């Protein structure tokens, strides 16, 4: 099913009880930016979902820079914000795809990224407000679907068996190991191919057509015996590519810990260069 919704389709759903809008803006280097932006202006009725405090769990030795949150705790936050399993959720901002993926992981299917995010909404002529949302609290019942995830031990087995098409969605220079602005080790997982997540979108930030997406991924999906596994630096931006693949009928799995988790295991190999 589609994972993106246009501003045109969202507008008639404003203030409907069966629809929740989530502002998921944020910044890796300024953790308070998303909330400040939300308080300045947001889509009417939107609630703020903090990517670092809500969509990320406690950091440990493994799990990467953005470990998955405790799903029961996340379910409580969702209920407090008026989101239940039958609520249609539309998210925008940096962590929007991560939020949609987590909802899917919890068994919630009616979740979408707003195509073009807030810029696309404003460019379409729709309003923003400063008024805070006041949604009626509900109860969210999570039903986790672990099949959407791959953890490091299973990923190593899939790679060794030649059963994974590993797609690294980071910038090409990070993939090649020429620069690494965040993590302690530069490079990529051996055998991975590089398809930066931004290539799923046009210059305005809107999702490419399905035909263009098929062309983008065709060189990497010819072997139907391999499962596509996506990763980035810490499991945030790779969710954009996972959802884009869904638009063309491709079911991929997420290595949520991603590169920052991979390098936390000293025995894991690292490659540099084009791959």
Protein backbone atom coordinates (compact mmCIF):
# COMPACT_ATOMS: atom_id res chain seq x y z
CA UNK A 1 0.00 0.00 0.00
CA UNK A 2 1.15 3.61 -0.50
CA UNK A 3 3.32 5.16 2.18
CA UNK A 4 3.07 8.81 1.07
CA UNK A 5 0.09 11.20 1.07
CA UNK A 6 -0.16 14.45 -0.88
CA UNK A 7 -1.10 17.79 0.72
CA UNK A 8 -4.19 17.74 -1.52
CA UNK A 9 -5.36 14.48 0.04
CA UNK A 10 -4.51 15.52 3.58
CA UNK A 11 -6.29 18.87 3.56
CA UNK A 12 -9.88 17.49 3.69
CA UNK A 13 -8.86 15.34 6.66
CA UNK A 14 -7.89 18.27 8.91
CA UNK A 15 -9.47 18.03 12.38
CA UNK A 16 -11.06 14.68 11.73
CA UNK A 17 -10.89 12.47 14.80
CA UNK A 18 -9.84 9.49 12.72
CA UNK A 19 -6.76 11.34 11.39
CA UNK A 20 -3.71 12.47 13.35
CA UNK A 21 -0.99 14.70 11.93
CA UNK A 22 2.47 14.39 13.44
CA UNK A 23 5.14 17.07 13.22
CA UNK A 24 8.42 15.12 13.32
CA UNK A 25 10.89 17.86 12.49
CA UNK A 26 14.33 17.76 14.05
CA UNK A 27 18.07 18.16 13.57
CA UNK A 28 20.93 15.83 14.49
CA UNK A 29 23.13 18.71 15.62
CA UNK A 30 20.48 20.94 17.25
CA UNK A 31 18.19 18.67 19.24
CA UNK A 32 15.80 21.43 20.23
CA UNK A 33 15.24 22.79 16.73
CA UNK A 34 12.24 20.62 15.87
CA UNK A 35 10.20 21.74 18.88
CA UNK A 36 11.09 25.38 18.28
CA UNK A 37 9.95 25.08 14.68
CA UNK A 38 6.73 23.40 15.78
CA UNK A 39 5.95 26.19 18.22
CA UNK A 40 6.58 28.80 15.53
CA UNK A 41 4.26 27.23 12.93
CA UNK A 42 2.78 23.82 12.12
CA UNK A 43 -0.07 22.23 10.24
CA UNK A 44 -3.40 22.79 12.02
CA UNK A 45 -4.10 20.00 14.49
CA UNK A 46 -0.59 18.54 14.34
CA UNK A 47 0.99 17.08 17.46
CA UNK A 48 4.76 17.19 17.98
CA UNK A 49 6.57 13.84 18.10
CA UNK A 50 10.19 14.25 19.18
CA UNK A 51 12.55 12.09 17.12
CA UNK A 52 15.20 11.94 19.82
CA UNK A 53 13.06 11.66 22.95
CA UNK A 54 10.14 9.57 21.63
CA UNK A 55 11.32 7.70 18.54
CA UNK A 56 14.73 6.75 19.96
CA UNK A 57 15.56 4.47 22.87
CA UNK A 58 18.40 4.63 25.40
CA UNK A 59 21.87 4.28 23.89
CA UNK A 60 24.05 1.33 24.85
CA UNK A 61 27.12 -0.55 23.69
CA UNK A 62 25.24 -1.78 20.62
CA UNK A 63 22.16 -0.57 18.80
CA UNK A 64 23.64 2.48 17.11
CA UNK A 65 23.10 6.17 17.64
CA UNK A 66 19.32 5.89 17.39
CA UNK A 67 18.29 2.61 19.05
CA UNK A 68 14.69 1.61 18.60
CA UNK A 69 12.45 2.79 21.44
CA UNK A 70 10.57 0.50 23.78
CA UNK A 71 7.39 -0.15 21.81
CA UNK A 72 5.15 -0.32 24.88
CA UNK A 73 6.37 3.09 26.00
CA UNK A 74 5.91 4.44 22.48
CA UNK A 75 2.36 3.06 22.45
CA UNK A 76 1.61 5.05 25.62
CA UNK A 77 2.90 8.26 24.00
CA UNK A 78 0.79 7.59 20.92
CA UNK A 79 -2.33 7.07 23.00
CA UNK A 80 -1.70 10.28 24.92
CA UNK A 81 -1.54 12.10 21.58
CA UNK A 82 -4.84 10.68 20.41
CA UNK A 83 -3.47 7.95 18.16
CA UNK A 84 -4.96 4.45 18.17
CA UNK A 85 -4.46 1.50 15.84
CA UNK A 86 -7.37 2.63 13.64
CA UNK A 87 -6.18 6.25 13.40
CA UNK A 88 -4.82 7.39 10.06
CA UNK A 89 -1.46 9.05 10.76
CA UNK A 90 0.26 11.53 8.44
CA UNK A 91 3.75 12.66 9.46
CA UNK A 92 6.14 15.29 8.17
CA UNK A 93 9.67 16.35 9.00
CA UNK A 94 13.08 14.71 9.33
CA UNK A 95 11.86 11.82 11.48
CA UNK A 96 8.58 11.29 9.61
CA UNK A 97 9.66 8.15 7.74
CA UNK A 98 11.16 6.75 10.97
CA UNK A 99 7.82 7.35 12.71
CA UNK A 100 5.85 5.70 9.92
CA UNK A 101 8.20 2.70 10.00
CA UNK A 102 7.81 2.38 13.77
CA UNK A 103 4.04 2.49 13.42
CA UNK A 104 4.27 -0.29 10.82
CA UNK A 105 6.55 -2.22 13.17
CA UNK A 106 3.83 -1.96 15.82
CA UNK A 107 1.22 -3.35 13.44
CA UNK A 108 -0.25 0.01 12.39
CA UNK A 109 -0.71 0.15 8.61
CA UNK A 110 -2.58 3.42 7.96
CA UNK A 111 0.48 5.63 8.31
CA UNK A 112 1.90 8.00 5.70
CA UNK A 113 4.64 10.55 5.11
CA UNK A 114 3.33 13.89 3.85
CA UNK A 115 4.82 14.21 0.37
CA UNK A 116 6.89 17.38 0.27
CA UNK A 117 6.60 17.77 4.05
CA UNK A 118 5.73 21.21 5.46
CA UNK A 119 7.27 23.08 2.51
CA UNK A 120 5.02 21.19 0.13
CA UNK A 121 2.01 21.93 2.34
CA UNK A 122 2.71 25.66 2.34
CA UNK A 123 3.50 25.76 -1.38
CA UNK A 124 0.10 24.16 -2.01
CA UNK A 125 -1.49 27.19 -0.33
CA UNK A 126 -2.56 25.50 2.89
CA UNK A 127 -2.41 27.19 6.30
CA UNK A 128 -0.13 26.85 9.30
CA UNK A 129 -0.90 27.80 12.90
CA UNK A 130 0.79 28.27 16.27
CA UNK A 131 -2.13 26.88 18.28
CA UNK A 132 -1.28 23.61 20.03
CA UNK A 133 -3.29 20.50 19.24
CA UNK A 134 -5.76 19.12 21.78
CA UNK A 135 -6.59 15.56 20.80
CA UNK A 136 -8.68 13.20 22.90
CA UNK A 137 -6.47 10.53 24.54
CA UNK A 138 -6.92 7.02 23.18
CA UNK A 139 -5.37 3.60 23.75
CA UNK A 140 -2.82 2.22 21.30
CA UNK A 141 -2.36 -1.55 21.29
CA UNK A 142 0.95 -2.57 19.71
CA UNK A 143 1.32 -5.82 17.78
CA UNK A 144 5.00 -5.91 16.80
CA UNK A 145 6.06 -7.31 13.42
CA UNK A 146 9.73 -8.24 13.86
CA UNK A 147 9.93 -9.45 10.24
CA UNK A 148 10.46 -5.84 9.18
CA UNK A 149 13.80 -5.72 11.01
CA UNK A 150 17.24 -7.25 10.63
CA UNK A 151 19.75 -7.23 13.48
CA UNK A 152 23.52 -7.57 13.13
CA UNK A 153 23.84 -11.36 13.71
CA UNK A 154 21.14 -12.20 11.16
CA UNK A 155 22.55 -9.67 8.71
CA UNK A 156 25.96 -11.33 8.88
CA UNK A 157 24.33 -14.69 8.12
CA UNK A 158 22.40 -13.26 5.18
CA UNK A 159 25.55 -11.65 3.77
CA UNK A 160 27.60 -14.84 4.16
CA UNK A 161 24.86 -16.86 2.45
CA UNK A 162 24.52 -14.35 -0.41
CA UNK A 163 20.84 -13.81 0.44
CA UNK A 164 20.80 -10.05 1.01
CA UNK A 165 20.89 -7.06 -1.30
CA UNK A 166 22.39 -4.53 1.06
CA UNK A 167 21.63 -0.91 0.21
CA UNK A 168 23.52 1.90 1.96
CA UNK A 169 21.54 5.14 1.65
CA UNK A 170 24.17 7.55 2.97
CA UNK A 171 25.96 10.17 0.90
CA UNK A 172 28.48 8.71 -1.61
CA UNK A 173 31.51 10.23 0.14
CA UNK A 174 30.49 8.62 3.43
CA UNK A 175 29.85 5.30 1.69
CA UNK A 176 33.31 5.40 0.14
CA UNK A 177 34.84 6.25 3.52
CA UNK A 178 36.33 9.54 2.33
CA UNK A 179 34.66 11.48 5.14
CA UNK A 180 32.77 10.54 8.29
CA UNK A 181 31.29 13.51 10.16
CA UNK A 182 29.43 11.55 12.83
CA UNK A 183 30.61 7.99 13.43
CA UNK A 184 34.00 6.82 14.70
CA UNK A 185 34.82 4.62 11.68
CA UNK A 186 34.47 5.49 7.99
CA UNK A 187 33.42 3.13 5.21
CA UNK A 188 30.56 0.75 4.51
CA UNK A 189 29.44 -2.83 5.10
CA UNK A 190 31.17 -5.18 2.62
CA UNK A 191 28.95 -6.08 -0.32
CA UNK A 192 26.69 -3.04 0.01
CA UNK A 193 25.65 -0.83 -2.89
CA UNK A 194 25.09 2.90 -2.53
CA UNK A 195 21.74 4.53 -3.36
CA UNK A 196 21.55 7.81 -1.39
CA UNK A 197 18.11 8.32 0.10
CA UNK A 198 17.75 11.80 -1.42
CA UNK A 199 17.57 10.21 -4.88
CA UNK A 200 14.06 9.00 -4.06
CA UNK A 201 12.86 12.60 -4.29
CA UNK A 202 12.90 15.40 -6.83
CA UNK A 203 14.39 18.86 -6.35
CA UNK A 204 11.29 20.03 -4.46
CA UNK A 205 11.44 17.15 -1.99
CA UNK A 206 8.52 15.25 -3.50
CA UNK A 207 8.64 11.52 -4.14
CA UNK A 208 9.64 10.44 -7.64
CA UNK A 209 7.09 8.76 -9.86
CA UNK A 210 6.83 5.00 -9.59
CA UNK A 211 8.42 4.65 -13.02
CA UNK A 212 11.41 6.74 -11.96
CA UNK A 213 11.75 4.76 -8.72
CA UNK A 214 11.78 1.49 -10.66
CA UNK A 215 14.55 2.81 -12.88
CA UNK A 216 16.52 3.96 -9.82
CA UNK A 217 16.43 0.57 -8.12
CA UNK A 218 16.31 -1.77 -11.12
CA UNK A 219 20.09 -2.45 -11.16
CA UNK A 220 19.96 -3.65 -7.57
CA UNK A 221 16.77 -5.71 -7.49
CA UNK A 222 17.31 -8.07 -10.41
CA UNK A 223 18.10 -11.03 -8.13
CA UNK A 224 14.71 -11.97 -6.71
CA UNK A 225 16.32 -14.53 -4.44
CA UNK A 226 17.85 -11.80 -2.28
CA UNK A 227 16.02 -9.77 0.35
CA UNK A 228 16.63 -6.00 0.19
CA UNK A 229 18.10 -4.72 3.47
CA UNK A 230 18.52 -0.99 3.98
CA UNK A 231 20.79 0.91 6.31
CA UNK A 232 22.13 4.41 6.87
CA UNK A 233 24.11 5.89 9.74
CA UNK A 234 21.65 5.16 12.53
CA UNK A 235 18.35 3.94 11.08
CA UNK A 236 16.60 7.26 10.41
CA UNK A 237 17.07 8.33 6.78
CA UNK A 238 17.04 4.73 5.51
CA UNK A 239 13.33 4.60 6.38
CA UNK A 240 12.72 7.03 3.50
CA UNK A 241 14.15 4.53 1.04
CA UNK A 242 12.28 1.64 2.61
CA UNK A 243 8.99 3.47 2.16
CA UNK A 244 9.91 4.54 -1.38
CA UNK A 245 10.53 0.90 -2.28
CA UNK A 246 7.11 0.05 -0.92
CA UNK A 247 5.61 2.45 -3.47
CA UNK A 248 6.86 0.15 -6.24
CA UNK A 249 5.77 -3.03 -4.50
CA UNK A 250 9.15 -4.00 -3.02
CA UNK A 251 9.20 -5.22 0.57
CA UNK A 252 12.51 -4.38 2.21
CA UNK A 253 13.84 -4.89 5.72
CA UNK A 254 15.60 -2.34 7.89
CA UNK A 255 18.91 -2.79 9.66
CA UNK A 256 17.82 -0.35 12.34
CA UNK A 257 21.18 -0.06 14.10
CA UNK A 258 22.78 0.66 10.73
CA UNK A 259 26.42 1.70 10.32
CA UNK A 260 26.77 3.03 13.87
CA UNK A 261 25.73 -0.38 15.21
CA UNK A 262 27.83 -2.37 12.70
CA UNK A 263 31.06 -0.69 13.79
CA UNK A 264 30.26 -1.32 17.47
CA UNK A 265 31.26 -4.97 16.86
CA UNK A 266 35.08 -5.06 16.54
CA UNK A 267 35.03 -8.24 14.43
CA UNK A 268 32.72 -6.83 11.76
CA UNK A 269 34.58 -6.11 8.51
CA UNK A 270 34.64 -2.66 6.92
CA UNK A 271 35.07 -1.75 3.26
CA UNK A 272 36.08 1.52 1.62
CA UNK A 273 35.92 2.76 -1.93
CA UNK A 274 33.17 2.29 -4.49
CA UNK A 275 32.23 -1.22 -3.35
